[in-house]
Amino acid sequence: MKLFIGLIAFITFNMTTIPCFAAVGTARAELPTNKVFKGTLLFWLVASYVVSMAVYSIGTWWWTAFIWAALLVGSILLIKARNRKGAQVKAKNI
């Protein structure tokens, strides 16, 4: 499952990162100085990385929490089923 979550994080990074040379050229033409332009590119990359990292972290945490919840619910249902069988056997023997 981590592979699937990693794939979604990779897609998230690609969807939020610098889109194409045309967008970079437009940003360069619109921004006043070269220093601001480099800061914009750096912000673009850092923001994309942070968002994809958050997607991966939340995704792996969510999946881990789901597995633990499934194990807990399964254990409770198994215990209840065994108790029900035990009660039926005792009722038969009486």
PDB file of N, CA and C in Angstrom:
ATOM      1  N   MET A   1       0.818  -1.192   0.000  1.00  0.00           N
ATOM      2  CA  MET A   1       0.000   0.000   0.000  1.00  0.00           C
ATOM      3  C   MET A   1       0.862   1.256   0.000  1.00  0.00           C
ATOM      4  N   LYS A   2       2.063   1.135   0.611  1.00  0.00           N
ATOM      5  CA  LYS A   2       2.940   2.301   0.639  1.00  0.00           C
ATOM      6  C   LYS A   2       3.352   2.709  -0.774  1.00  0.00           C
ATOM      7  N   LEU A   3       3.439   1.735  -1.667  1.00  0.00           N
ATOM      8  CA  LEU A   3       3.773   2.058  -3.046  1.00  0.00           C
ATOM      9  C   LEU A   3       2.686   2.922  -3.669  1.00  0.00           C
ATOM     10  N   PHE A   4       1.436   2.587  -3.402  1.00  0.00           N
ATOM     11  CA  PHE A   4       0.310   3.368  -3.914  1.00  0.00           C
ATOM     12  C   PHE A   4       0.310   4.775  -3.336  1.00  0.00           C
ATOM     13  N   ILE A   5       0.565   4.897  -2.034  1.00  0.00           N
ATOM     14  CA  ILE A   5       0.611   6.211  -1.386  1.00  0.00           C
ATOM     15  C   ILE A   5       1.792   7.011  -1.916  1.00  0.00           C
ATOM     16  N   GLY A   6       2.925   6.329  -2.134  1.00  0.00           N
ATOM     17  CA  GLY A   6       4.084   7.000  -2.726  1.00  0.00           C
ATOM     18  C   GLY A   6       3.782   7.510  -4.125  1.00  0.00           C
ATOM     19  N   LEU A   7       3.018   6.737  -4.880  1.00  0.00           N
ATOM     20  CA  LEU A   7       2.622   7.156  -6.226  1.00  0.00           C
ATOM     21  C   LEU A   7       1.732   8.398  -6.163  1.00  0.00           C
ATOM     22  N   ILE A   8       0.805   8.418  -5.231  1.00  0.00           N
ATOM     23  CA  ILE A   8      -0.068   9.589  -5.091  1.00  0.00           C
ATOM     24  C   ILE A   8       0.749  10.811  -4.670  1.00  0.00           C
ATOM     25  N   ALA A   9       1.737  10.619  -3.777  1.00  0.00           N
ATOM     26  CA  ALA A   9       2.590  11.736  -3.365  1.00  0.00           C
ATOM     27  C   ALA A   9       3.425  12.233  -4.543  1.00  0.00           C
ATOM     28  N   PHE A  10       3.918  11.328  -5.379  1.00  0.00           N
ATOM     29  CA  PHE A  10       4.682  11.711  -6.564  1.00  0.00           C
ATOM     30  C   PHE A  10       3.815  12.496  -7.548  1.00  0.00           C
ATOM     31  N   ILE A  11       2.601  12.036  -7.742  1.00  0.00           N
ATOM     32  CA  ILE A  11       1.667  12.749  -8.628  1.00  0.00           C
ATOM     33  C   ILE A  11       1.363  14.132  -8.063  1.00  0.00           C
ATOM     34  N   THR A  12       1.197  14.214  -6.747  1.00  0.00           N
ATOM     35  CA  THR A  12       0.941  15.501  -6.096  1.00  0.00           C
ATOM     36  C   THR A  12       2.104  16.456  -6.329  1.00  0.00           C
ATOM     37  N   PHE A  13       3.327  15.950  -6.193  1.00  0.00           N
ATOM     38  CA  PHE A  13       4.501  16.787  -6.435  1.00  0.00           C
ATOM     39  C   PHE A  13       4.520  17.287  -7.882  1.00  0.00           C
ATOM     40  N   ASN A  14       4.258  16.393  -8.815  1.00  0.00           N
ATOM     41  CA  ASN A  14       4.283  16.783 -10.225  1.00  0.00           C
ATOM     42  C   ASN A  14       3.163  17.748 -10.594  1.00  0.00           C
ATOM     43  N   MET A  15       2.030  17.631  -9.915  1.00  0.00           N
ATOM     44  CA  MET A  15       0.919  18.527 -10.213  1.00  0.00           C
ATOM     45  C   MET A  15       1.115  19.919  -9.617  1.00  0.00           C
ATOM     46  N   THR A  16       1.892  20.030  -8.539  1.00  0.00           N
ATOM     47  CA  THR A  16       2.072  21.324  -7.887  1.00  0.00           C
ATOM     48  C   THR A  16       3.407  21.981  -8.190  1.00  0.00           C
ATOM     49  N   THR A  17       4.307  21.298  -8.844  1.00  0.00           N
ATOM     50  CA  THR A  17       5.617  21.877  -9.129  1.00  0.00           C
ATOM     51  C   THR A  17       5.554  22.780 -10.358  1.00  0.00           C
ATOM     52  N   ILE A  18       6.683  23.317 -10.747  1.00  0.00           N
ATOM     53  CA  ILE A  18       6.752  24.244 -11.873  1.00  0.00           C
ATOM     54  C   ILE A  18       6.189  23.559 -13.117  1.00  0.00           C
ATOM     55  N   PRO A  19       5.156  24.115 -13.717  1.00  0.00           N
ATOM     56  CA  PRO A  19       4.433  23.399 -14.759  1.00  0.00           C
ATOM     57  C   PRO A  19       5.188  23.258 -16.091  1.00  0.00           C
ATOM     58  N   CYS A  20       5.727  24.349 -16.603  1.00  0.00           N
ATOM     59  CA  CYS A  20       6.385  24.266 -17.898  1.00  0.00           C
ATOM     60  C   CYS A  20       7.248  25.512 -18.109  1.00  0.00           C
ATOM     61  N   PHE A  21       8.003  25.506 -19.175  1.00  0.00           N
ATOM     62  CA  PHE A  21       8.873  26.649 -19.452  1.00  0.00           C
ATOM     63  C   PHE A  21       8.073  27.914 -19.749  1.00  0.00           C
ATOM     64  N   ALA A  22       6.894  27.753 -20.302  1.00  0.00           N
ATOM     65  CA  ALA A  22       6.067  28.928 -20.594  1.00  0.00           C
ATOM     66  C   ALA A  22       5.655  29.641 -19.302  1.00  0.00           C
ATOM     67  N   ALA A  23       5.292  28.866 -18.282  1.00  0.00           N
ATOM     68  CA  ALA A  23       4.922  29.471 -17.003  1.00  0.00           C
ATOM     69  C   ALA A  23       6.119  30.130 -16.344  1.00  0.00           C
ATOM     70  N   VAL A  24       7.283  29.495 -16.452  1.00  0.00           N
ATOM     71  CA  VAL A  24       8.506  30.077 -15.889  1.00  0.00           C
ATOM     72  C   VAL A  24       8.846  31.369 -16.623  1.00  0.00           C
ATOM     73  N   GLY A  25       8.726  31.363 -17.937  1.00  0.00           N
ATOM     74  CA  GLY A  25       8.998  32.570 -18.717  1.00  0.00           C
ATOM     75  C   GLY A  25       8.039  33.701 -18.388  1.00  0.00           C
ATOM     76  N   THR A  26       6.783  33.369 -18.187  1.00  0.00           N
ATOM     77  CA  THR A  26       5.794  34.381 -17.817  1.00  0.00           C
ATOM     78  C   THR A  26       6.093  34.948 -16.434  1.00  0.00           C
ATOM     79  N   ALA A  27       6.443  34.078 -15.491  1.00  0.00           N
ATOM     80  CA  ALA A  27       6.784  34.549 -14.148  1.00  0.00           C
ATOM     81  C   ALA A  27       8.013  35.448 -14.190  1.00  0.00           C
ATOM     82  N   ARG A  28       8.990  35.101 -15.010  1.00  0.00           N
ATOM     83  CA  ARG A  28      10.202  35.925 -15.125  1.00  0.00           C
ATOM     84  C   ARG A  28       9.884  37.290 -15.721  1.00  0.00           C
ATOM     85  N   ALA A  29       8.984  37.313 -16.693  1.00  0.00           N
ATOM     86  CA  ALA A  29       8.636  38.582 -17.327  1.00  0.00           C
ATOM     87  C   ALA A  29       7.801  39.462 -16.391  1.00  0.00           C
ATOM     88  N   GLU A  30       6.994  38.841 -15.545  1.00  0.00           N
ATOM     89  CA  GLU A  30       6.114  39.600 -14.660  1.00  0.00           C
ATOM     90  C   GLU A  30       6.834  40.120 -13.415  1.00  0.00           C
ATOM     91  N   LEU A  31       7.829  39.392 -12.936  1.00  0.00           N
ATOM     92  CA  LEU A  31       8.506  39.792 -11.697  1.00  0.00           C
ATOM     93  C   LEU A  31       9.601  40.813 -11.997  1.00  0.00           C
ATOM     94  N   PRO A  32       9.793  41.783 -11.100  1.00  0.00           N
ATOM     95  CA  PRO A  32      10.675  42.914 -11.397  1.00  0.00           C
ATOM     96  C   PRO A  32      12.168  42.572 -11.402  1.00  0.00           C
ATOM     97  N   THR A  33      12.658  41.780 -10.459  1.00  0.00           N
ATOM     98  CA  THR A  33      14.101  41.543 -10.396  1.00  0.00           C
ATOM     99  C   THR A  33      14.405  40.064 -10.511  1.00  0.00           C
ATOM    100  N   ASN A  34      15.658  39.793 -10.811  1.00  0.00           N
ATOM    101  CA  ASN A  34      16.101  38.412 -10.955  1.00  0.00           C
ATOM    102  C   ASN A  34      16.089  37.705  -9.600  1.00  0.00           C
ATOM    103  N   LYS A  35      16.377  38.448  -8.523  1.00  0.00           N
ATOM    104  CA  LYS A  35      16.404  37.863  -7.186  1.00  0.00           C
ATOM    105  C   LYS A  35      15.015  37.365  -6.775  1.00  0.00           C
ATOM    106  N   VAL A  36      14.010  38.160  -7.066  1.00  0.00           N
ATOM    107  CA  VAL A  36      12.637  37.762  -6.743  1.00  0.00           C
ATOM    108  C   VAL A  36      12.253  36.533  -7.564  1.00  0.00           C
ATOM    109  N   PHE A  37      12.703  36.484  -8.807  1.00  0.00           N
ATOM    110  CA  PHE A  37      12.386  35.355  -9.680  1.00  0.00           C
ATOM    111  C   PHE A  37      12.979  34.059  -9.117  1.00  0.00           C
ATOM    112  N   LYS A  38      14.227  34.102  -8.660  1.00  0.00           N
ATOM    113  CA  LYS A  38      14.850  32.902  -8.090  1.00  0.00           C
ATOM    114  C   LYS A  38      14.131  32.486  -6.811  1.00  0.00           C
ATOM    115  N   GLY A  39      13.709  33.457  -6.018  1.00  0.00           N
ATOM    116  CA  GLY A  39      12.942  33.146  -4.814  1.00  0.00           C
ATOM    117  C   GLY A  39      11.609  32.501  -5.141  1.00  0.00           C
ATOM    118  N   THR A  40      11.002  32.935  -6.229  1.00  0.00           N
ATOM    119  CA  THR A  40       9.730  32.352  -6.649  1.00  0.00           C
ATOM    120  C   THR A  40       9.914  30.897  -7.064  1.00  0.00           C
ATOM    121  N   LEU A  41      10.967  30.618  -7.816  1.00  0.00           N
ATOM    122  CA  LEU A  41      11.236  29.238  -8.224  1.00  0.00           C
ATOM    123  C   LEU A  41      11.511  28.358  -7.011  1.00  0.00           C
ATOM    124  N   LEU A  42      12.288  28.876  -6.081  1.00  0.00           N
ATOM    125  CA  LEU A  42      12.589  28.119  -4.869  1.00  0.00           C
ATOM    126  C   LEU A  42      11.311  27.865  -4.066  1.00  0.00           C
ATOM    127  N   PHE A  43      10.473  28.877  -3.937  1.00  0.00           N
ATOM    128  CA  PHE A  43       9.195  28.714  -3.232  1.00  0.00           C
ATOM    129  C   PHE A  43       8.329  27.666  -3.922  1.00  0.00           C
ATOM    130  N   TRP A  44       8.283  27.705  -5.243  1.00  0.00           N
ATOM    131  CA  TRP A  44       7.506  26.733  -6.013  1.00  0.00           C
ATOM    132  C   TRP A  44       7.944  25.304  -5.682  1.00  0.00           C
ATOM    133  N   LEU A  45       9.248  25.079  -5.698  1.00  0.00           N
ATOM    134  CA  LEU A  45       9.765  23.738  -5.442  1.00  0.00           C
ATOM    135  C   LEU A  45       9.570  23.310  -3.991  1.00  0.00           C
ATOM    136  N   VAL A  46       9.844  24.203  -3.051  1.00  0.00           N
ATOM    137  CA  VAL A  46       9.696  23.863  -1.633  1.00  0.00           C
ATOM    138  C   VAL A  46       8.233  23.600  -1.295  1.00  0.00           C
ATOM    139  N   ALA A  47       7.335  24.422  -1.793  1.00  0.00           N
ATOM    140  CA  ALA A  47       5.907  24.223  -1.530  1.00  0.00           C
ATOM    141  C   ALA A  47       5.438  22.882  -2.104  1.00  0.00           C
ATOM    142  N   SER A  48       5.889  22.537  -3.292  1.00  0.00           N
ATOM    143  CA  SER A  48       5.512  21.255  -3.894  1.00  0.00           C
ATOM    144  C   SER A  48       6.024  20.085  -3.068  1.00  0.00           C
ATOM    145  N   TYR A  49       7.259  20.211  -2.594  1.00  0.00           N
ATOM    146  CA  TYR A  49       7.845  19.141  -1.787  1.00  0.00           C
ATOM    147  C   TYR A  49       7.094  18.985  -0.466  1.00  0.00           C
ATOM    148  N   VAL A  50       6.775  20.087   0.181  1.00  0.00           N
ATOM    149  CA  VAL A  50       6.067  20.033   1.466  1.00  0.00           C
ATOM    150  C   VAL A  50       4.680  19.425   1.293  1.00  0.00           C
ATOM    151  N   VAL A  51       3.972  19.805   0.244  1.00  0.00           N
ATOM    152  CA  VAL A  51       2.631  19.255   0.013  1.00  0.00           C
ATOM    153  C   VAL A  51       2.708  17.754  -0.262  1.00  0.00           C
ATOM    154  N   SER A  52       3.637  17.321  -1.094  1.00  0.00           N
ATOM    155  CA  SER A  52       3.740  15.889  -1.388  1.00  0.00           C
ATOM    156  C   SER A  52       4.197  15.105  -0.156  1.00  0.00           C
ATOM    157  N   MET A  53       5.060  15.703   0.660  1.00  0.00           N
ATOM    158  CA  MET A  53       5.489  15.048   1.892  1.00  0.00           C
ATOM    159  C   MET A  53       4.314  14.905   2.864  1.00  0.00           C
ATOM    160  N   ALA A  54       3.470  15.920   2.931  1.00  0.00           N
ATOM    161  CA  ALA A  54       2.285  15.849   3.790  1.00  0.00           C
ATOM    162  C   ALA A  54       1.322  14.765   3.296  1.00  0.00           C
ATOM    163  N   VAL A  55       1.143  14.673   1.987  1.00  0.00           N
ATOM    164  CA  VAL A  55       0.267  13.639   1.420  1.00  0.00           C
ATOM    165  C   VAL A  55       0.796  12.254   1.781  1.00  0.00           C
ATOM    166  N   TYR A  56       2.103  12.052   1.670  1.00  0.00           N
ATOM    167  CA  TYR A  56       2.687  10.750   1.989  1.00  0.00           C
ATOM    168  C   TYR A  56       2.567  10.443   3.485  1.00  0.00           C
ATOM    169  N   SER A  57       2.860  11.427   4.320  1.00  0.00           N
ATOM    170  CA  SER A  57       2.803  11.208   5.773  1.00  0.00           C
ATOM    171  C   SER A  57       1.388  10.911   6.239  1.00  0.00           C
ATOM    172  N   ILE A  58       0.436  11.696   5.787  1.00  0.00           N
ATOM    173  CA  ILE A  58      -0.959  11.482   6.175  1.00  0.00           C
ATOM    174  C   ILE A  58      -1.475  10.165   5.599  1.00  0.00           C
ATOM    175  N   GLY A  59      -1.088   9.868   4.373  1.00  0.00           N
ATOM    176  CA  GLY A  59      -1.529   8.618   3.748  1.00  0.00           C
ATOM    177  C   GLY A  59      -1.009   7.390   4.462  1.00  0.00           C
ATOM    178  N   THR A  60       0.263   7.389   4.832  1.00  0.00           N
ATOM    179  CA  THR A  60       0.798   6.225   5.533  1.00  0.00           C
ATOM    180  C   THR A  60       0.226   6.137   6.940  1.00  0.00           C
ATOM    181  N   TRP A  61       0.022   7.283   7.606  1.00  0.00           N
ATOM    182  CA  TRP A  61      -0.573   7.259   8.937  1.00  0.00           C
ATOM    183  C   TRP A  61      -2.004   6.748   8.865  1.00  0.00           C
ATOM    184  N   TRP A  62      -2.763   7.225   7.883  1.00  0.00           N
ATOM    185  CA  TRP A  62      -4.152   6.817   7.749  1.00  0.00           C
ATOM    186  C   TRP A  62      -4.238   5.316   7.508  1.00  0.00           C
ATOM    187  N   TRP A  63      -3.369   4.797   6.639  1.00  0.00           N
ATOM    188  CA  TRP A  63      -3.420   3.380   6.329  1.00  0.00           C
ATOM    189  C   TRP A  63      -3.029   2.549   7.553  1.00  0.00           C
ATOM    190  N   THR A  64      -2.041   3.009   8.301  1.00  0.00           N
ATOM    191  CA  THR A  64      -1.641   2.306   9.511  1.00  0.00           C
ATOM    192  C   THR A  64      -2.770   2.324  10.532  1.00  0.00           C
ATOM    193  N   ALA A  65      -3.419   3.460  10.699  1.00  0.00           N
ATOM    194  CA  ALA A  65      -4.548   3.558  11.627  1.00  0.00           C
ATOM    195  C   ALA A  65      -5.686   2.639  11.180  1.00  0.00           C
ATOM    196  N   PHE A  66      -5.923   2.537   9.877  1.00  0.00           N
ATOM    197  CA  PHE A  66      -6.971   1.653   9.348  1.00  0.00           C
ATOM    198  C   PHE A  66      -6.659   0.194   9.661  1.00  0.00           C
ATOM    199  N   ILE A  67      -5.413  -0.219   9.506  1.00  0.00           N
ATOM    200  CA  ILE A  67      -5.027  -1.607   9.784  1.00  0.00           C
ATOM    201  C   ILE A  67      -5.228  -1.929  11.265  1.00  0.00           C
ATOM    202  N   TRP A  68      -4.787  -1.024  12.153  1.00  0.00           N
ATOM    203  CA  TRP A  68      -4.966  -1.254  13.581  1.00  0.00           C
ATOM    204  C   TRP A  68      -6.444  -1.303  13.952  1.00  0.00           C
ATOM    205  N   ALA A  69      -7.248  -0.440  13.372  1.00  0.00           N
ATOM    206  CA  ALA A  69      -8.684  -0.449  13.651  1.00  0.00           C
ATOM    207  C   ALA A  69      -9.319  -1.754  13.165  1.00  0.00           C
ATOM    208  N   ALA A  70      -8.910  -2.230  11.998  1.00  0.00           N
ATOM    209  CA  ALA A  70      -9.443  -3.483  11.466  1.00  0.00           C
ATOM    210  C   ALA A  70      -9.055  -4.659  12.361  1.00  0.00           C
ATOM    211  N   LEU A  71      -7.828  -4.665  12.853  1.00  0.00           N
ATOM    212  CA  LEU A  71      -7.398  -5.728  13.763  1.00  0.00           C
ATOM    213  C   LEU A  71      -8.191  -5.677  15.073  1.00  0.00           C
ATOM    214  N   LEU A  72      -8.413  -4.496  15.586  1.00  0.00           N
ATOM    215  CA  LEU A  72      -9.169  -4.347  16.827  1.00  0.00           C
ATOM    216  C   LEU A  72     -10.614  -4.812  16.651  1.00  0.00           C
ATOM    217  N   VAL A  73     -11.265  -4.373  15.600  1.00  0.00           N
ATOM    218  CA  VAL A  73     -12.656  -4.767  15.346  1.00  0.00           C
ATOM    219  C   VAL A  73     -12.737  -6.272  15.081  1.00  0.00           C
ATOM    220  N   GLY A  74     -11.793  -6.809  14.329  1.00  0.00           N
ATOM    221  CA  GLY A  74     -11.770  -8.247  14.068  1.00  0.00           C
ATOM    222  C   GLY A  74     -11.604  -9.058  15.340  1.00  0.00           C
ATOM    223  N   SER A  75     -10.739  -8.588  16.232  1.00  0.00           N
ATOM    224  CA  SER A  75     -10.537  -9.283  17.508  1.00  0.00           C
ATOM    225  C   SER A  75     -11.808  -9.263  18.349  1.00  0.00           C
ATOM    226  N   ILE A  76     -12.458  -8.118  18.404  1.00  0.00           N
ATOM    227  CA  ILE A  76     -13.693  -8.005  19.185  1.00  0.00           C
ATOM    228  C   ILE A  76     -14.770  -8.927  18.614  1.00  0.00           C
ATOM    229  N   LEU A  77     -14.913  -8.957  17.296  1.00  0.00           N
ATOM    230  CA  LEU A  77     -15.916  -9.833  16.681  1.00  0.00           C
ATOM    231  C   LEU A  77     -15.591 -11.303  16.913  1.00  0.00           C
ATOM    232  N   LEU A  78     -14.314 -11.661  16.876  1.00  0.00           N
ATOM    233  CA  LEU A  78     -13.908 -13.045  17.119  1.00  0.00           C
ATOM    234  C   LEU A  78     -14.210 -13.453  18.558  1.00  0.00           C
ATOM    235  N   ILE A  79     -13.935 -12.576  19.507  1.00  0.00           N
ATOM    236  CA  ILE A  79     -14.223 -12.865  20.912  1.00  0.00           C
ATOM    237  C   ILE A  79     -15.727 -13.020  21.127  1.00  0.00           C
ATOM    238  N   LYS A  80     -16.511 -12.148  20.530  1.00  0.00           N
ATOM    239  CA  LYS A  80     -17.969 -12.247  20.665  1.00  0.00           C
ATOM    240  C   LYS A  80     -18.491 -13.550  20.055  1.00  0.00           C
ATOM    241  N   ALA A  81     -17.949 -13.946  18.901  1.00  0.00           N
ATOM    242  CA  ALA A  81     -18.390 -15.182  18.254  1.00  0.00           C
ATOM    243  C   ALA A  81     -18.045 -16.386  19.117  1.00  0.00           C
ATOM    244  N   ARG A  82     -16.872 -16.392  19.734  1.00  0.00           N
ATOM    245  CA  ARG A  82     -16.494 -17.508  20.607  1.00  0.00           C
ATOM    246  C   ARG A  82     -17.372 -17.547  21.852  1.00  0.00           C
ATOM    247  N   ASN A  83     -17.675 -16.392  22.401  1.00  0.00           N
ATOM    248  CA  ASN A  83     -18.555 -16.350  23.583  1.00  0.00           C
ATOM    249  C   ASN A  83     -19.951 -16.847  23.230  1.00  0.00           C
ATOM    250  N   ARG A  84     -20.425 -16.500  22.041  1.00  0.00           N
ATOM    251  CA  ARG A  84     -21.744 -16.941  21.602  1.00  0.00           C
ATOM    252  C   ARG A  84     -21.760 -18.461  21.432  1.00  0.00           C
ATOM    253  N   LYS A  85     -20.708 -19.038  20.866  1.00  0.00           N
ATOM    254  CA  LYS A  85     -20.627 -20.493  20.699  1.00  0.00           C
ATOM    255  C   LYS A  85     -20.586 -21.185  22.055  1.00  0.00           C
ATOM    256  N   GLY A  86     -19.811 -20.614  22.980  1.00  0.00           N
ATOM    257  CA  GLY A  86     -19.726 -21.187  24.317  1.00  0.00           C
ATOM    258  C   GLY A  86     -21.064 -21.168  25.026  1.00  0.00           C
ATOM    259  N   ALA A  87     -21.823 -20.087  24.848  1.00  0.00           N
ATOM    260  CA  ALA A  87     -23.145 -19.994  25.470  1.00  0.00           C
ATOM    261  C   ALA A  87     -24.095 -21.009  24.855  1.00  0.00           C
ATOM    262  N   GLN A  88     -24.004 -21.265  23.564  1.00  0.00           N
ATOM    263  CA  GLN A  88     -24.880 -22.242  22.914  1.00  0.00           C
ATOM    264  C   GLN A  88     -24.543 -23.655  23.366  1.00  0.00           C
ATOM    265  N   VAL A  89     -23.253 -23.958  23.542  1.00  0.00           N
ATOM    266  CA  VAL A  89     -22.854 -25.292  24.014  1.00  0.00           C
ATOM    267  C   VAL A  89     -23.333 -25.521  25.435  1.00  0.00           C
ATOM    268  N   LYS A  90     -23.218 -24.484  26.290  1.00  0.00           N
ATOM    269  CA  LYS A  90     -23.687 -24.617  27.670  1.00  0.00           C
ATOM    270  C   LYS A  90     -25.205 -24.806  27.719  1.00  0.00           C
ATOM    271  N   ALA A  91     -25.925 -24.104  26.856  1.00  0.00           N
ATOM    272  CA  ALA A  91     -27.381 -24.237  26.825  1.00  0.00           C
ATOM    273  C   ALA A  91     -27.797 -25.633  26.376  1.00  0.00           C
ATOM    274  N   LYS A  92     -27.038 -26.234  25.460  1.00  0.00           N
ATOM    275  CA  LYS A  92     -27.335 -27.580  24.977  1.00  0.00           C
ATOM    276  C   LYS A  92     -27.104 -28.618  26.064  1.00  0.00           C
ATOM    277  N   ASN A  93     -26.070 -28.407  26.828  1.00  0.00           N
ATOM    278  CA  ASN A  93     -25.704 -29.375  27.872  1.00  0.00           C
ATOM    279  C   ASN A  93     -26.640 -29.323  29.067  1.00  0.00           C
ATOM    280  N   ILE A  94     -27.357 -28.237  29.241  1.00  0.00           N
ATOM    281  CA  ILE A  94     -28.245 -28.114  30.411  1.00  0.00           C
ATOM    282  C   ILE A  94     -29.510 -28.819  30.185  1.00  0.00           C
TER     283      ILE A  94
END
